[in-house]
Amino acid sequence: IETGAKKLIAGVGMFFVVYSMNRLHINSLILVFLEVIVGAVVYGLLLLFLRDEWIYEMFKSVIGKMRKYNG
């Protein structure tokens, strides 16, 4: 799958998760905060699952910095 298609699939998946969260009956400010956090996590996980090059490079960079920091 091409990179653009992977991002589209991840975006659609994120949309369905965040859209379904609108059924929660909580304070709207808290709901917006939760939607942003959950949406970002779902998007990132879907891109990781789809093996997107961009997310893999970021993941490698973070792991490398953690290893460098921890010795």
Protein backbone atom coordinates (compact mmCIF):
# COMPACT_ATOMS: atom_id res chain seq x y z
CA ILE A 1 0.00 0.00 0.00
CA GLU A 2 1.31 3.47 -0.82
CA THR A 3 2.09 5.99 1.89
CA GLY A 4 -0.90 8.21 1.06
CA ALA A 5 -3.28 5.27 1.21
CA LYS A 6 -1.88 4.21 4.59
CA LYS A 7 -2.47 7.67 6.00
CA LEU A 8 -5.99 7.70 4.54
CA ILE A 9 -6.81 4.32 6.09
CA ALA A 10 -5.42 5.45 9.45
CA GLY A 11 -7.40 8.70 9.21
CA VAL A 12 -10.65 6.89 8.48
CA GLY A 13 -10.03 4.49 11.37
CA MET A 14 -9.32 7.42 13.68
CA PHE A 15 -12.50 9.15 12.48
CA PHE A 16 -14.70 6.18 13.36
CA VAL A 17 -13.18 5.85 16.84
CA VAL A 18 -13.47 9.57 17.61
CA TYR A 19 -16.95 9.81 16.08
CA SER A 20 -18.17 6.95 18.25
CA MET A 21 -16.86 8.78 21.33
CA ASN A 22 -19.53 11.45 20.81
CA ARG A 23 -22.02 9.12 22.48
CA LEU A 24 -20.25 9.61 25.81
CA HIS A 25 -22.19 11.87 28.14
CA ILE A 26 -19.41 13.85 29.80
CA ASN A 27 -18.34 17.48 29.95
CA SER A 28 -17.67 18.77 26.43
CA LEU A 29 -14.23 20.15 27.31
CA ILE A 30 -13.12 16.80 28.74
CA LEU A 31 -14.62 15.02 25.74
CA VAL A 32 -12.65 17.18 23.30
CA PHE A 33 -9.45 16.53 25.25
CA LEU A 34 -10.10 12.77 25.23
CA GLU A 35 -10.93 12.81 21.52
CA VAL A 36 -7.63 14.51 20.69
CA ILE A 37 -5.58 12.10 22.81
CA VAL A 38 -7.42 8.95 21.67
CA GLY A 39 -7.40 10.12 18.05
CA ALA A 40 -3.64 10.68 18.06
CA VAL A 41 -2.98 7.30 19.68
CA VAL A 42 -5.28 5.45 17.27
CA TYR A 43 -3.76 7.21 14.25
CA GLY A 44 -0.22 6.43 15.38
CA LEU A 45 -1.01 2.80 16.18
CA LEU A 46 -2.74 2.28 12.84
CA LEU A 47 0.23 3.77 10.98
CA LEU A 48 2.55 1.54 13.00
CA PHE A 49 0.37 -1.49 12.19
CA LEU A 50 0.36 -0.53 8.49
CA ARG A 51 4.17 -0.16 8.61
CA ASP A 52 4.26 3.45 7.44
CA GLU A 53 7.82 4.64 6.73
CA TRP A 54 7.38 8.00 8.47
CA ILE A 55 6.15 6.51 11.74
CA TYR A 56 8.85 3.84 11.67
CA GLU A 57 11.57 6.49 11.29
CA MET A 58 10.13 8.44 14.23
CA PHE A 59 9.92 5.23 16.27
CA LYS A 60 13.56 4.35 15.48
CA SER A 61 14.65 7.88 16.38
CA VAL A 62 12.91 7.77 19.75
CA ILE A 63 14.31 4.30 20.53
CA GLY A 64 17.80 5.47 19.54
CA LYS A 65 17.57 8.53 21.76
CA MET A 66 16.32 6.43 24.67
CA ARG A 67 19.21 3.99 24.29
CA LYS A 68 21.70 6.84 24.03
CA TYR A 69 20.23 8.52 27.12
CA ASN A 70 20.15 5.33 29.21
CA GLY A 71 23.69 4.39 28.34
